[in-house]
Amino acid sequence: MAGSGKAHLRTEGDRILEVHDLVVEFNLGGGKIVKAVSGVSFDLIRGETLAIVGESGCGKSTLGKAVLQIPKPTSGTVEFLGKELTALKGDAL
C-alpha cells in the first residue's frame, strides 16, 4: 500500500520492501530548497505490483531513485529484505 503517513502500512505478510516517511530535498543554494518528495510511505509484498502515478514533475522518478539510494534521501528509511538501505555505504550498498 502507498500514501503519506503510516496508517495504511500492513503489519503482516511477506514484505520485501518498506519505505517510511521518505523525504528528498535539493539545495539550490542561496537558501532555496526544492522539496521533491515529502513523507512518502509504502510497502510491497512478494508478488505484488505497485504503480506510482502523478503529474509531470511531481516526484515519481525522484522517489524511485531515492528508494535505490540515488540520491540518498534527506530523511526516512528504506528496508529491502529486512536490510536498512539508508544506513549502508560502499560495497555493502
PDB file of N, CA and C in Angstrom:
ATOM      1  N   MET A   1       0.843  -1.176   0.000  1.00  0.00           N
ATOM      2  CA  MET A   1       0.000   0.000   0.000  1.00  0.00           C
ATOM      3  C   MET A   1       0.887   1.237   0.000  1.00  0.00           C
ATOM      4  N   ALA A   2       0.363   2.334  -0.485  1.00  0.00           N
ATOM      5  CA  ALA A   2       1.158   3.554  -0.575  1.00  0.00           C
ATOM      6  C   ALA A   2       0.351   4.761  -0.129  1.00  0.00           C
ATOM      7  N   GLY A   3       1.055   5.791   0.288  1.00  0.00           N
ATOM      8  CA  GLY A   3       0.425   7.040   0.659  1.00  0.00           C
ATOM      9  C   GLY A   3       1.319   7.827   1.580  1.00  0.00           C
ATOM     10  N   SER A   4       0.785   8.891   2.140  1.00  0.00           N
ATOM     11  CA  SER A   4       1.554   9.639   3.116  1.00  0.00           C
ATOM     12  C   SER A   4       1.062   9.224   4.499  1.00  0.00           C
ATOM     13  N   GLY A   5       1.924   9.336   5.487  1.00  0.00           N
ATOM     14  CA  GLY A   5       1.596   8.813   6.801  1.00  0.00           C
ATOM     15  C   GLY A   5       1.918   7.333   6.855  1.00  0.00           C
ATOM     16  N   LYS A   6       1.475   6.653   7.916  1.00  0.00           N
ATOM     17  CA  LYS A   6       1.803   5.236   8.078  1.00  0.00           C
ATOM     18  C   LYS A   6       0.592   4.359   8.350  1.00  0.00           C
ATOM     19  N   ALA A   7      -0.594   4.929   8.481  1.00  0.00           N
ATOM     20  CA  ALA A   7      -1.775   4.159   8.852  1.00  0.00           C
ATOM     21  C   ALA A   7      -2.101   3.061   7.843  1.00  0.00           C
ATOM     22  N   HIS A   8      -1.751   3.253   6.585  1.00  0.00           N
ATOM     23  CA  HIS A   8      -2.087   2.297   5.537  1.00  0.00           C
ATOM     24  C   HIS A   8      -1.093   1.142   5.445  1.00  0.00           C
ATOM     25  N   LEU A   9       0.046   1.210   6.138  1.00  0.00           N
ATOM     26  CA  LEU A   9       1.054   0.158   6.043  1.00  0.00           C
ATOM     27  C   LEU A   9       0.567  -1.109   6.739  1.00  0.00           C
ATOM     28  N   ARG A  10       0.928  -2.240   6.167  1.00  0.00           N
ATOM     29  CA  ARG A  10       0.473  -3.527   6.687  1.00  0.00           C
ATOM     30  C   ARG A  10       1.421  -4.051   7.756  1.00  0.00           C
ATOM     31  N   THR A  11       0.866  -4.764   8.709  1.00  0.00           N
ATOM     32  CA  THR A  11       1.683  -5.318   9.785  1.00  0.00           C
ATOM     33  C   THR A  11       1.994  -6.787   9.568  1.00  0.00           C
ATOM     34  N   GLU A  12       1.399  -7.384   8.563  1.00  0.00           N
ATOM     35  CA  GLU A  12       1.649  -8.804   8.314  1.00  0.00           C
ATOM     36  C   GLU A  12       1.891  -9.026   6.826  1.00  0.00           C
ATOM     37  N   GLY A  13       2.384 -10.195   6.504  1.00  0.00           N
ATOM     38  CA  GLY A  13       2.661 -10.518   5.113  1.00  0.00           C
ATOM     39  C   GLY A  13       4.155 -10.580   4.863  1.00  0.00           C
ATOM     40  N   ASP A  14       4.511 -11.086   3.719  1.00  0.00           N
ATOM     41  CA  ASP A  14       5.904 -11.269   3.338  1.00  0.00           C
ATOM     42  C   ASP A  14       6.395 -10.007   2.631  1.00  0.00           C
ATOM     43  N   ARG A  15       6.610  -8.940   3.417  1.00  0.00           N
ATOM     44  CA  ARG A  15       7.035  -7.665   2.826  1.00  0.00           C
ATOM     45  C   ARG A  15       8.483  -7.756   2.358  1.00  0.00           C
ATOM     46  N   ILE A  16       8.719  -7.337   1.117  1.00  0.00           N
ATOM     47  CA  ILE A  16      10.093  -7.315   0.620  1.00  0.00           C
ATOM     48  C   ILE A  16      10.659  -5.897   0.608  1.00  0.00           C
ATOM     49  N   LEU A  17       9.781  -4.897   0.573  1.00  0.00           N
ATOM     50  CA  LEU A  17      10.223  -3.509   0.556  1.00  0.00           C
ATOM     51  C   LEU A  17       9.325  -2.684   1.475  1.00  0.00           C
ATOM     52  N   GLU A  18       9.954  -1.896   2.347  1.00  0.00           N
ATOM     53  CA  GLU A  18       9.223  -0.987   3.227  1.00  0.00           C
ATOM     54  C   GLU A  18       9.879   0.388   3.157  1.00  0.00           C
ATOM     55  N   VAL A  19       9.103   1.382   2.818  1.00  0.00           N
ATOM     56  CA  VAL A  19       9.572   2.766   2.752  1.00  0.00           C
ATOM     57  C   VAL A  19       8.758   3.562   3.761  1.00  0.00           C
ATOM     58  N   HIS A  20       9.457   4.276   4.655  1.00  0.00           N
ATOM     59  CA  HIS A  20       8.792   5.024   5.722  1.00  0.00           C
ATOM     60  C   HIS A  20       9.197   6.490   5.684  1.00  0.00           C
ATOM     61  N   ASP A  21       8.201   7.362   5.508  1.00  0.00           N
ATOM     62  CA  ASP A  21       8.389   8.816   5.605  1.00  0.00           C
ATOM     63  C   ASP A  21       9.559   9.329   4.768  1.00  0.00           C
ATOM     64  N   LEU A  22       9.680   8.871   3.537  1.00  0.00           N
ATOM     65  CA  LEU A  22      10.792   9.265   2.675  1.00  0.00           C
ATOM     66  C   LEU A  22      10.662  10.728   2.256  1.00  0.00           C
ATOM     67  N   VAL A  23      11.742  11.459   2.431  1.00  0.00           N
ATOM     68  CA  VAL A  23      11.817  12.871   2.062  1.00  0.00           C
ATOM     69  C   VAL A  23      13.067  13.071   1.217  1.00  0.00           C
ATOM     70  N   VAL A  24      12.914  13.796   0.094  1.00  0.00           N
ATOM     71  CA  VAL A  24      14.055  14.156  -0.741  1.00  0.00           C
ATOM     72  C   VAL A  24      13.969  15.652  -1.015  1.00  0.00           C
ATOM     73  N   GLU A  25      15.026  16.367  -0.631  1.00  0.00           N
ATOM     74  CA  GLU A  25      15.104  17.806  -0.863  1.00  0.00           C
ATOM     75  C   GLU A  25      16.413  18.108  -1.577  1.00  0.00           C
ATOM     76  N   PHE A  26      16.365  19.075  -2.479  1.00  0.00           N
ATOM     77  CA  PHE A  26      17.551  19.506  -3.198  1.00  0.00           C
ATOM     78  C   PHE A  26      17.851  20.953  -2.825  1.00  0.00           C
ATOM     79  N   ASN A  27      19.093  21.191  -2.397  1.00  0.00           N
ATOM     80  CA  ASN A  27      19.526  22.539  -2.038  1.00  0.00           C
ATOM     81  C   ASN A  27      20.018  23.228  -3.309  1.00  0.00           C
ATOM     82  N   LEU A  28      19.356  24.301  -3.691  1.00  0.00           N
ATOM     83  CA  LEU A  28      19.720  25.036  -4.893  1.00  0.00           C
ATOM     84  C   LEU A  28      20.695  26.171  -4.604  1.00  0.00           C
ATOM     85  N   GLY A  29      21.048  26.352  -3.353  1.00  0.00           N
ATOM     86  CA  GLY A  29      21.925  27.447  -2.974  1.00  0.00           C
ATOM     87  C   GLY A  29      21.117  28.709  -2.723  1.00  0.00           C
ATOM     88  N   GLY A  30      21.738  29.661  -2.096  1.00  0.00           N
ATOM     89  CA  GLY A  30      21.066  30.921  -1.792  1.00  0.00           C
ATOM     90  C   GLY A  30      19.854  30.750  -0.907  1.00  0.00           C
ATOM     91  N   GLY A  31      19.836  29.691  -0.103  1.00  0.00           N
ATOM     92  CA  GLY A  31      18.720  29.453   0.803  1.00  0.00           C
ATOM     93  C   GLY A  31      17.491  28.849   0.148  1.00  0.00           C
ATOM     94  N   LYS A  32      17.607  28.464  -1.132  1.00  0.00           N
ATOM     95  CA  LYS A  32      16.470  27.878  -1.846  1.00  0.00           C
ATOM     96  C   LYS A  32      16.552  26.356  -1.795  1.00  0.00           C
ATOM     97  N   ILE A  33      15.442  25.736  -1.424  1.00  0.00           N
ATOM     98  CA  ILE A  33      15.355  24.280  -1.334  1.00  0.00           C
ATOM     99  C   ILE A  33      14.139  23.811  -2.105  1.00  0.00           C
ATOM    100  N   VAL A  34      14.331  22.778  -2.924  1.00  0.00           N
ATOM    101  CA  VAL A  34      13.219  22.155  -3.642  1.00  0.00           C
ATOM    102  C   VAL A  34      12.832  20.900  -2.884  1.00  0.00           C
ATOM    103  N   LYS A  35      11.584  20.802  -2.486  1.00  0.00           N
ATOM    104  CA  LYS A  35      11.073  19.613  -1.802  1.00  0.00           C
ATOM    105  C   LYS A  35      10.473  18.702  -2.862  1.00  0.00           C
ATOM    106  N   ALA A  36      11.261  17.717  -3.298  1.00  0.00           N
ATOM    107  CA  ALA A  36      10.852  16.846  -4.400  1.00  0.00           C
ATOM    108  C   ALA A  36       9.940  15.712  -3.936  1.00  0.00           C
ATOM    109  N   VAL A  37      10.195  15.175  -2.754  1.00  0.00           N
ATOM    110  CA  VAL A  37       9.388  14.078  -2.186  1.00  0.00           C
ATOM    111  C   VAL A  37       9.175  14.413  -0.721  1.00  0.00           C
ATOM    112  N   SER A  38       7.942  14.323  -0.256  1.00  0.00           N
ATOM    113  CA  SER A  38       7.645  14.727   1.125  1.00  0.00           C
ATOM    114  C   SER A  38       6.862  13.663   1.876  1.00  0.00           C
ATOM    115  N   GLY A  39       7.546  12.888   2.709  1.00  0.00           N
ATOM    116  CA  GLY A  39       6.881  11.981   3.632  1.00  0.00           C
ATOM    117  C   GLY A  39       6.122  10.824   3.007  1.00  0.00           C
ATOM    118  N   VAL A  40       6.683  10.194   1.989  1.00  0.00           N
ATOM    119  CA  VAL A  40       6.012   9.079   1.316  1.00  0.00           C
ATOM    120  C   VAL A  40       6.333   7.768   2.025  1.00  0.00           C
ATOM    121  N   SER A  41       5.301   6.954   2.237  1.00  0.00           N
ATOM    122  CA  SER A  41       5.461   5.630   2.849  1.00  0.00           C
ATOM    123  C   SER A  41       4.707   4.605   2.021  1.00  0.00           C
ATOM    124  N   PHE A  42       5.313   3.446   1.840  1.00  0.00           N
ATOM    125  CA  PHE A  42       4.627   2.334   1.191  1.00  0.00           C
ATOM    126  C   PHE A  42       5.348   1.039   1.504  1.00  0.00           C
ATOM    127  N   ASP A  43       4.665  -0.060   1.252  1.00  0.00           N
ATOM    128  CA  ASP A  43       5.295  -1.369   1.384  1.00  0.00           C
ATOM    129  C   ASP A  43       4.876  -2.231   0.200  1.00  0.00           C
ATOM    130  N   LEU A  44       5.681  -3.224  -0.064  1.00  0.00           N
ATOM    131  CA  LEU A  44       5.395  -4.182  -1.130  1.00  0.00           C
ATOM    132  C   LEU A  44       5.524  -5.585  -0.581  1.00  0.00           C
ATOM    133  N   ILE A  45       4.555  -6.414  -0.898  1.00  0.00           N
ATOM    134  CA  ILE A  45       4.587  -7.821  -0.521  1.00  0.00           C
ATOM    135  C   ILE A  45       5.044  -8.615  -1.734  1.00  0.00           C
ATOM    136  N   ARG A  46       5.769  -9.673  -1.486  1.00  0.00           N
ATOM    137  CA  ARG A  46       6.279 -10.526  -2.570  1.00  0.00           C
ATOM    138  C   ARG A  46       5.163 -10.849  -3.560  1.00  0.00           C
ATOM    139  N   GLY A  47       5.438 -10.628  -4.853  1.00  0.00           N
ATOM    140  CA  GLY A  47       4.474 -10.908  -5.909  1.00  0.00           C
ATOM    141  C   GLY A  47       3.538  -9.763  -6.227  1.00  0.00           C
ATOM    142  N   GLU A  48       3.605  -8.691  -5.466  1.00  0.00           N
ATOM    143  CA  GLU A  48       2.723  -7.546  -5.644  1.00  0.00           C
ATOM    144  C   GLU A  48       3.362  -6.527  -6.601  1.00  0.00           C
ATOM    145  N   THR A  49       2.521  -5.755  -7.275  1.00  0.00           N
ATOM    146  CA  THR A  49       2.977  -4.684  -8.158  1.00  0.00           C
ATOM    147  C   THR A  49       2.441  -3.364  -7.629  1.00  0.00           C
ATOM    148  N   LEU A  50       3.280  -2.337  -7.660  1.00  0.00           N
ATOM    149  CA  LEU A  50       2.879  -1.011  -7.216  1.00  0.00           C
ATOM    150  C   LEU A  50       3.058  -0.034  -8.365  1.00  0.00           C
ATOM    151  N   ALA A  51       2.048   0.758  -8.647  1.00  0.00           N
ATOM    152  CA  ALA A  51       2.144   1.818  -9.648  1.00  0.00           C
ATOM    153  C   ALA A  51       2.184   3.156  -8.936  1.00  0.00           C
ATOM    154  N   ILE A  52       3.084   4.011  -9.375  1.00  0.00           N
ATOM    155  CA  ILE A  52       3.160   5.365  -8.839  1.00  0.00           C
ATOM    156  C   ILE A  52       2.747   6.294  -9.966  1.00  0.00           C
ATOM    157  N   VAL A  53       1.671   7.021  -9.755  1.00  0.00           N
ATOM    158  CA  VAL A  53       1.129   7.881 -10.804  1.00  0.00           C
ATOM    159  C   VAL A  53       1.061   9.323 -10.312  1.00  0.00           C
ATOM    160  N   GLY A  54       1.119  10.239 -11.255  1.00  0.00           N
ATOM    161  CA  GLY A  54       1.011  11.648 -10.914  1.00  0.00           C
ATOM    162  C   GLY A  54       1.421  12.500 -12.093  1.00  0.00           C
ATOM    163  N   GLU A  55       1.222  13.786 -11.935  1.00  0.00           N
ATOM    164  CA  GLU A  55       1.548  14.731 -12.984  1.00  0.00           C
ATOM    165  C   GLU A  55       3.053  14.799 -13.221  1.00  0.00           C
ATOM    166  N   SER A  56       3.420  15.288 -14.384  1.00  0.00           N
ATOM    167  CA  SER A  56       4.821  15.507 -14.719  1.00  0.00           C
ATOM    168  C   SER A  56       5.447  16.441 -13.689  1.00  0.00           C
ATOM    169  N   GLY A  57       6.615  16.047 -13.177  1.00  0.00           N
ATOM    170  CA  GLY A  57       7.319  16.898 -12.227  1.00  0.00           C
ATOM    171  C   GLY A  57       6.895  16.759 -10.785  1.00  0.00           C
ATOM    172  N   CYS A  58       6.057  15.756 -10.462  1.00  0.00           N
ATOM    173  CA  CYS A  58       5.566  15.649  -9.082  1.00  0.00           C
ATOM    174  C   CYS A  58       6.476  14.815  -8.179  1.00  0.00           C
ATOM    175  N   GLY A  59       7.544  14.205  -8.728  1.00  0.00           N
ATOM    176  CA  GLY A  59       8.494  13.479  -7.887  1.00  0.00           C
ATOM    177  C   GLY A  59       8.489  11.970  -8.045  1.00  0.00           C
ATOM    178  N   LYS A  60       7.785  11.424  -9.037  1.00  0.00           N
ATOM    179  CA  LYS A  60       7.724   9.966  -9.209  1.00  0.00           C
ATOM    180  C   LYS A  60       9.107   9.361  -9.438  1.00  0.00           C
ATOM    181  N   SER A  61       9.854   9.906 -10.381  1.00  0.00           N
ATOM    182  CA  SER A  61      11.193   9.383 -10.686  1.00  0.00           C
ATOM    183  C   SER A  61      12.147   9.603  -9.526  1.00  0.00           C
ATOM    184  N   THR A  62      12.058  10.752  -8.882  1.00  0.00           N
ATOM    185  CA  THR A  62      12.915  11.026  -7.729  1.00  0.00           C
ATOM    186  C   THR A  62      12.628  10.040  -6.612  1.00  0.00           C
ATOM    187  N   LEU A  63      11.367   9.710  -6.394  1.00  0.00           N
ATOM    188  CA  LEU A  63      11.002   8.714  -5.385  1.00  0.00           C
ATOM    189  C   LEU A  63      11.641   7.364  -5.718  1.00  0.00           C
ATOM    190  N   GLY A  64      11.498   6.917  -6.950  1.00  0.00           N
ATOM    191  CA  GLY A  64      12.082   5.641  -7.356  1.00  0.00           C
ATOM    192  C   GLY A  64      13.585   5.618  -7.191  1.00  0.00           C
ATOM    193  N   LYS A  65      14.246   6.687  -7.577  1.00  0.00           N
ATOM    194  CA  LYS A  65      15.698   6.769  -7.436  1.00  0.00           C
ATOM    195  C   LYS A  65      16.116   6.803  -5.968  1.00  0.00           C
ATOM    196  N   ALA A  66      15.359   7.515  -5.144  1.00  0.00           N
ATOM    197  CA  ALA A  66      15.693   7.596  -3.722  1.00  0.00           C
ATOM    198  C   ALA A  66      15.552   6.234  -3.034  1.00  0.00           C
ATOM    199  N   VAL A  67      14.598   5.428  -3.474  1.00  0.00           N
ATOM    200  CA  VAL A  67      14.481   4.064  -2.938  1.00  0.00           C
ATOM    201  C   VAL A  67      15.764   3.294  -3.226  1.00  0.00           C
ATOM    202  N   LEU A  68      16.356   3.552  -4.408  1.00  0.00           N
ATOM    203  CA  LEU A  68      17.613   2.907  -4.799  1.00  0.00           C
ATOM    204  C   LEU A  68      18.840   3.627  -4.247  1.00  0.00           C
ATOM    205  N   GLN A  69      18.614   4.702  -3.480  1.00  0.00           N
ATOM    206  CA  GLN A  69      19.669   5.491  -2.834  1.00  0.00           C
ATOM    207  C   GLN A  69      20.454   6.367  -3.806  1.00  0.00           C
ATOM    208  N   ILE A  70      19.822   6.757  -4.928  1.00  0.00           N
ATOM    209  CA  ILE A  70      20.438   7.657  -5.913  1.00  0.00           C
ATOM    210  C   ILE A  70      19.433   8.748  -6.244  1.00  0.00           C
ATOM    211  N   PRO A  71      19.343   9.818  -5.548  1.00  0.00           N
ATOM    212  CA  PRO A  71      20.201  10.296  -4.465  1.00  0.00           C
ATOM    213  C   PRO A  71      19.770   9.703  -3.122  1.00  0.00           C
ATOM    214  N   LYS A  72      20.653   9.822  -2.143  1.00  0.00           N
ATOM    215  CA  LYS A  72      20.272   9.409  -0.790  1.00  0.00           C
ATOM    216  C   LYS A  72      19.114  10.282  -0.319  1.00  0.00           C
ATOM    217  N   PRO A  73      18.118   9.702   0.308  1.00  0.00           N
ATOM    218  CA  PRO A  73      17.011  10.513   0.835  1.00  0.00           C
ATOM    219  C   PRO A  73      17.503  11.492   1.896  1.00  0.00           C
ATOM    220  N   THR A  74      16.827  12.616   1.995  1.00  0.00           N
ATOM    221  CA  THR A  74      17.124  13.596   3.039  1.00  0.00           C
ATOM    222  C   THR A  74      16.769  13.013   4.404  1.00  0.00           C
ATOM    223  N   SER A  75      15.655  12.293   4.459  1.00  0.00           N
ATOM    224  CA  SER A  75      15.257  11.602   5.682  1.00  0.00           C
ATOM    225  C   SER A  75      14.298  10.472   5.314  1.00  0.00           C
ATOM    226  N   GLY A  76      14.004   9.649   6.301  1.00  0.00           N
ATOM    227  CA  GLY A  76      13.155   8.484   6.084  1.00  0.00           C
ATOM    228  C   GLY A  76      13.993   7.222   6.003  1.00  0.00           C
ATOM    229  N   THR A  77      13.308   6.082   5.882  1.00  0.00           N
ATOM    230  CA  THR A  77      14.003   4.806   5.826  1.00  0.00           C
ATOM    231  C   THR A  77      13.510   3.969   4.658  1.00  0.00           C
ATOM    232  N   VAL A  78      14.421   3.109   4.171  1.00  0.00           N
ATOM    233  CA  VAL A  78      14.100   2.158   3.112  1.00  0.00           C
ATOM    234  C   VAL A  78      14.667   0.810   3.543  1.00  0.00           C
ATOM    235  N   GLU A  79      13.785  -0.178   3.689  1.00  0.00           N
ATOM    236  CA  GLU A  79      14.222  -1.527   4.044  1.00  0.00           C
ATOM    237  C   GLU A  79      13.916  -2.465   2.895  1.00  0.00           C
ATOM    238  N   PHE A  80      14.924  -3.197   2.433  1.00  0.00           N
ATOM    239  CA  PHE A  80      14.755  -4.194   1.387  1.00  0.00           C
ATOM    240  C   PHE A  80      15.185  -5.533   1.954  1.00  0.00           C
ATOM    241  N   LEU A  81      14.264  -6.492   1.973  1.00  0.00           N
ATOM    242  CA  LEU A  81      14.514  -7.819   2.539  1.00  0.00           C
ATOM    243  C   LEU A  81      15.098  -7.722   3.949  1.00  0.00           C
ATOM    244  N   GLY A  82      14.553  -6.771   4.729  1.00  0.00           N
ATOM    245  CA  GLY A  82      14.954  -6.633   6.122  1.00  0.00           C
ATOM    246  C   GLY A  82      16.220  -5.831   6.358  1.00  0.00           C
ATOM    247  N   LYS A  83      16.882  -5.360   5.295  1.00  0.00           N
ATOM    248  CA  LYS A  83      18.107  -4.577   5.455  1.00  0.00           C
ATOM    249  C   LYS A  83      17.796  -3.098   5.242  1.00  0.00           C
ATOM    250  N   GLU A  84      18.257  -2.280   6.164  1.00  0.00           N
ATOM    251  CA  GLU A  84      18.057  -0.837   6.094  1.00  0.00           C
ATOM    252  C   GLU A  84      19.048  -0.247   5.085  1.00  0.00           C
ATOM    253  N   LEU A  85      18.568   0.129   3.899  1.00  0.00           N
ATOM    254  CA  LEU A  85      19.434   0.625   2.837  1.00  0.00           C
ATOM    255  C   LEU A  85      20.010   2.001   3.127  1.00  0.00           C
ATOM    256  N   THR A  86      19.273   2.854   3.813  1.00  0.00           N
ATOM    257  CA  THR A  86      19.752   4.212   4.050  1.00  0.00           C
ATOM    258  C   THR A  86      20.971   4.237   4.970  1.00  0.00           C
ATOM    259  N   ALA A  87      21.233   3.153   5.688  1.00  0.00           N
ATOM    260  CA  ALA A  87      22.383   3.085   6.585  1.00  0.00           C
ATOM    261  C   ALA A  87      23.599   2.441   5.920  1.00  0.00           C
ATOM    262  N   LEU A  88      23.422   1.850   4.746  1.00  0.00           N
ATOM    263  CA  LEU A  88      24.536   1.155   4.073  1.00  0.00           C
ATOM    264  C   LEU A  88      25.362   2.119   3.241  1.00  0.00           C
ATOM    265  N   LYS A  89      26.650   1.784   3.101  1.00  0.00           N
ATOM    266  CA  LYS A  89      27.568   2.594   2.283  1.00  0.00           C
ATOM    267  C   LYS A  89      28.474   1.676   1.491  1.00  0.00           C
ATOM    268  N   GLY A  90      29.014   2.205   0.413  1.00  0.00           N
ATOM    269  CA  GLY A  90      30.030   1.500  -0.374  1.00  0.00           C
ATOM    270  C   GLY A  90      29.573   0.144  -0.878  1.00  0.00           C
ATOM    271  N   ASP A  91      30.445  -0.855  -0.732  1.00  0.00           N
ATOM    272  CA  ASP A  91      30.171  -2.203  -1.240  1.00  0.00           C
ATOM    273  C   ASP A  91      28.960  -2.843  -0.583  1.00  0.00           C
ATOM    274  N   ALA A  92      28.707  -2.506   0.683  1.00  0.00           N
ATOM    275  CA  ALA A  92      27.550  -3.076   1.384  1.00  0.00           C
ATOM    276  C   ALA A  92      26.245  -2.678   0.698  1.00  0.00           C
ATOM    277  N   LEU A  93      26.203  -1.451   0.173  1.00  0.00           N
ATOM    278  CA  LEU A  93      25.011  -0.976  -0.535  1.00  0.00           C
ATOM    279  C   LEU A  93      24.918  -1.666  -1.874  1.00  0.00           C
TER     280      LEU A  93
END
